[in-house]
Amino acid sequence: MSLLDEIFVEVSADTRMRLLAPNLAQLTEQFCYRMLEEIQNIIRDDQLDDPECFARIEQIVCLFEKHGISTGGRHDF
């Protein structure tokens, strides 16, 4: 499934978002904005001190999974 298809599935299932925006384009835009904002917060977190950035990448992968976006089989454990 493509990223756009996965986003549409999540957006369609989110009742709160359907109430906030009248069309699918706006819903998708709001969904993507929220995800980017969360990713930005992870990257800006100065409390994470990992020279190889593993902790930050792990949080971003978990964020994608939280929102129903596939990250491939590498995180299937």
N, C-alpha and C. Protein backbone atom coordinates (compact mmCIF):
# COMPACT_ATOMS: atom_id res chain seq x y z
N MET A 1 0.86 -1.18 0.00
CA MET A 1 0.00 0.00 0.00
C MET A 1 0.91 1.24 0.00
N SER A 2 0.55 2.23 -0.79
CA SER A 2 1.36 3.45 -0.86
C SER A 2 1.15 4.31 0.39
N LEU A 3 2.07 5.22 0.62
CA LEU A 3 1.97 6.13 1.76
C LEU A 3 0.65 6.91 1.70
N LEU A 4 0.31 7.40 0.53
CA LEU A 4 -0.94 8.16 0.39
C LEU A 4 -2.15 7.29 0.73
N ASP A 5 -2.15 6.04 0.29
CA ASP A 5 -3.25 5.12 0.62
C ASP A 5 -3.34 4.91 2.13
N GLU A 6 -2.19 4.73 2.76
CA GLU A 6 -2.17 4.52 4.21
C GLU A 6 -2.70 5.75 4.94
N ILE A 7 -2.33 6.93 4.48
CA ILE A 7 -2.82 8.17 5.09
C ILE A 7 -4.33 8.27 4.92
N PHE A 8 -4.83 7.97 3.73
CA PHE A 8 -6.28 8.03 3.49
C PHE A 8 -7.03 7.08 4.42
N VAL A 9 -6.49 5.90 4.66
CA VAL A 9 -7.12 4.94 5.57
C VAL A 9 -7.20 5.54 6.97
N GLU A 10 -6.09 6.11 7.44
CA GLU A 10 -6.07 6.71 8.78
C GLU A 10 -7.01 7.90 8.88
N VAL A 11 -6.98 8.76 7.88
CA VAL A 11 -7.83 9.97 7.89
C VAL A 11 -9.30 9.57 7.88
N SER A 12 -9.64 8.59 7.08
CA SER A 12 -11.04 8.15 6.98
C SER A 12 -11.55 7.56 8.29
N ALA A 13 -10.64 6.96 9.05
CA ALA A 13 -11.03 6.32 10.30
C ALA A 13 -11.10 7.29 11.47
N ASP A 14 -10.53 8.47 11.33
CA ASP A 14 -10.45 9.43 12.43
C ASP A 14 -11.67 10.35 12.43
N THR A 15 -12.63 10.03 13.28
CA THR A 15 -13.88 10.79 13.35
C THR A 15 -13.64 12.24 13.72
N ARG A 16 -12.70 12.50 14.63
CA ARG A 16 -12.43 13.89 15.03
C ARG A 16 -12.00 14.73 13.84
N MET A 17 -11.16 14.14 12.99
CA MET A 17 -10.68 14.90 11.83
C MET A 17 -11.81 15.16 10.84
N ARG A 18 -12.71 14.21 10.67
CA ARG A 18 -13.82 14.41 9.74
C ARG A 18 -14.70 15.56 10.19
N LEU A 19 -14.77 15.79 11.49
CA LEU A 19 -15.58 16.89 12.00
C LEU A 19 -14.91 18.24 11.81
N LEU A 20 -13.58 18.24 11.73
CA LEU A 20 -12.83 19.49 11.63
C LEU A 20 -12.68 20.02 10.20
N ALA A 21 -12.73 19.14 9.23
CA ALA A 21 -12.49 19.57 7.85
C ALA A 21 -13.54 18.96 6.92
N PRO A 22 -14.04 19.75 5.99
CA PRO A 22 -15.13 19.28 5.15
C PRO A 22 -14.71 18.37 4.00
N ASN A 23 -13.43 18.29 3.65
CA ASN A 23 -13.08 17.43 2.52
C ASN A 23 -11.80 16.65 2.78
N LEU A 24 -11.59 15.64 1.95
CA LEU A 24 -10.47 14.73 2.14
C LEU A 24 -9.12 15.44 2.00
N ALA A 25 -9.03 16.40 1.11
CA ALA A 25 -7.76 17.13 0.95
C ALA A 25 -7.39 17.86 2.23
N GLN A 26 -8.35 18.52 2.85
CA GLN A 26 -8.06 19.23 4.11
C GLN A 26 -7.74 18.25 5.22
N LEU A 27 -8.45 17.13 5.27
CA LEU A 27 -8.18 16.12 6.29
C LEU A 27 -6.76 15.59 6.15
N THR A 28 -6.38 15.32 4.92
CA THR A 28 -5.04 14.79 4.66
C THR A 28 -3.98 15.81 5.03
N GLU A 29 -4.21 17.06 4.70
CA GLU A 29 -3.26 18.12 5.03
C GLU A 29 -3.10 18.25 6.54
N GLN A 30 -4.20 18.21 7.28
CA GLN A 30 -4.14 18.31 8.74
C GLN A 30 -3.40 17.12 9.34
N PHE A 31 -3.67 15.93 8.81
CA PHE A 31 -3.01 14.72 9.29
C PHE A 31 -1.50 14.82 9.09
N CYS A 32 -1.09 15.22 7.88
CA CYS A 32 0.33 15.32 7.56
C CYS A 32 1.00 16.41 8.40
N TYR A 33 0.32 17.51 8.60
CA TYR A 33 0.87 18.58 9.41
C TYR A 33 1.11 18.10 10.84
N ARG A 34 0.13 17.39 11.41
CA ARG A 34 0.29 16.87 12.77
C ARG A 34 1.48 15.93 12.87
N MET A 35 1.62 15.03 11.88
CA MET A 35 2.74 14.09 11.90
C MET A 35 4.07 14.82 11.79
N LEU A 36 4.16 15.80 10.90
CA LEU A 36 5.41 16.55 10.75
C LEU A 36 5.75 17.32 12.02
N GLU A 37 4.74 17.86 12.66
CA GLU A 37 4.95 18.58 13.90
C GLU A 37 5.48 17.64 14.98
N GLU A 38 4.93 16.43 15.06
CA GLU A 38 5.41 15.47 16.04
C GLU A 38 6.85 15.05 15.73
N ILE A 39 7.17 14.85 14.45
CA ILE A 39 8.54 14.50 14.07
C ILE A 39 9.49 15.64 14.45
N GLN A 40 9.08 16.86 14.19
CA GLN A 40 9.90 18.02 14.54
C GLN A 40 10.17 18.05 16.05
N ASN A 41 9.15 17.77 16.85
CA ASN A 41 9.33 17.75 18.31
C ASN A 41 10.32 16.68 18.74
N ILE A 42 10.29 15.53 18.08
CA ILE A 42 11.24 14.46 18.41
C ILE A 42 12.66 14.91 18.08
N ILE A 43 12.84 15.49 16.90
CA ILE A 43 14.17 15.91 16.47
C ILE A 43 14.71 17.03 17.36
N ARG A 44 13.85 17.90 17.82
CA ARG A 44 14.28 19.04 18.65
C ARG A 44 14.52 18.67 20.11
N ASP A 45 14.18 17.46 20.51
CA ASP A 45 14.30 17.05 21.91
C ASP A 45 15.78 16.93 22.30
N ASP A 46 16.28 17.92 23.02
CA ASP A 46 17.69 17.94 23.42
C ASP A 46 18.00 16.96 24.54
N GLN A 47 16.99 16.35 25.14
CA GLN A 47 17.23 15.38 26.19
C GLN A 47 17.70 14.05 25.60
N LEU A 48 17.48 13.84 24.31
CA LEU A 48 17.96 12.63 23.66
C LEU A 48 19.41 12.86 23.27
N ASP A 49 20.31 12.08 23.86
CA ASP A 49 21.73 12.23 23.59
C ASP A 49 22.27 10.90 23.08
N ASP A 50 22.09 10.66 21.81
CA ASP A 50 22.48 9.40 21.20
C ASP A 50 23.35 9.72 19.99
N PRO A 51 24.66 9.40 20.06
CA PRO A 51 25.56 9.79 18.98
C PRO A 51 25.15 9.23 17.62
N GLU A 52 24.49 8.12 17.59
CA GLU A 52 24.08 7.54 16.32
C GLU A 52 22.60 7.84 16.02
N CYS A 53 22.00 8.64 16.84
CA CYS A 53 20.60 9.07 16.66
C CYS A 53 19.59 7.93 16.70
N PHE A 54 19.97 6.79 17.26
CA PHE A 54 19.06 5.66 17.28
C PHE A 54 17.75 5.98 17.99
N ALA A 55 17.85 6.64 19.15
CA ALA A 55 16.64 6.92 19.93
C ALA A 55 15.69 7.81 19.15
N ARG A 56 16.19 8.79 18.44
CA ARG A 56 15.33 9.69 17.66
C ARG A 56 14.69 8.94 16.50
N ILE A 57 15.48 8.14 15.80
CA ILE A 57 14.94 7.38 14.67
C ILE A 57 13.88 6.41 15.17
N GLU A 58 14.12 5.75 16.28
CA GLU A 58 13.15 4.81 16.85
C GLU A 58 11.84 5.52 17.17
N GLN A 59 11.90 6.71 17.73
CA GLN A 59 10.69 7.46 18.03
C GLN A 59 9.94 7.83 16.76
N ILE A 60 10.66 8.20 15.71
CA ILE A 60 10.01 8.55 14.46
C ILE A 60 9.35 7.32 13.83
N VAL A 61 10.03 6.18 13.86
CA VAL A 61 9.45 4.93 13.34
C VAL A 61 8.18 4.60 14.12
N CYS A 62 8.23 4.73 15.43
CA CYS A 62 7.06 4.44 16.27
C CYS A 62 5.92 5.42 15.96
N LEU A 63 6.25 6.66 15.66
CA LEU A 63 5.24 7.65 15.30
C LEU A 63 4.53 7.24 14.02
N PHE A 64 5.30 6.83 13.00
CA PHE A 64 4.67 6.36 11.77
C PHE A 64 3.74 5.19 12.06
N GLU A 65 4.20 4.23 12.85
CA GLU A 65 3.38 3.06 13.18
C GLU A 65 2.14 3.46 13.97
N LYS A 66 2.29 4.42 14.87
CA LYS A 66 1.14 4.91 15.67
C LYS A 66 0.04 5.45 14.76
N HIS A 67 0.45 6.04 13.64
CA HIS A 67 -0.52 6.62 12.71
C HIS A 67 -0.87 5.68 11.57
N GLY A 68 -0.52 4.39 11.71
CA GLY A 68 -0.91 3.40 10.72
C GLY A 68 -0.10 3.43 9.44
N ILE A 69 1.08 4.04 9.47
CA ILE A 69 1.93 4.14 8.29
C ILE A 69 3.03 3.08 8.41
N SER A 70 3.14 2.24 7.39
CA SER A 70 4.10 1.15 7.39
C SER A 70 5.54 1.67 7.34
N THR A 71 6.41 1.01 8.09
CA THR A 71 7.83 1.34 8.04
C THR A 71 8.62 0.15 7.51
N GLY A 72 7.93 -0.83 6.97
CA GLY A 72 8.60 -2.00 6.42
C GLY A 72 8.83 -3.06 7.48
N GLY A 73 9.50 -4.12 7.08
CA GLY A 73 9.70 -5.26 7.97
C GLY A 73 10.83 -5.11 8.95
N ARG A 74 11.64 -4.08 8.83
CA ARG A 74 12.80 -3.95 9.71
C ARG A 74 12.39 -3.67 11.16
N HIS A 75 11.17 -3.25 11.40
CA HIS A 75 10.74 -2.92 12.77
C HIS A 75 9.73 -3.95 13.28
N ASP A 76 9.69 -5.12 12.64
CA ASP A 76 8.76 -6.18 13.02
C ASP A 76 9.40 -7.11 14.05
N PHE A 77 9.49 -6.63 15.29
CA PHE A 77 10.04 -7.49 16.34
C PHE A 77 9.26 -7.32 17.60
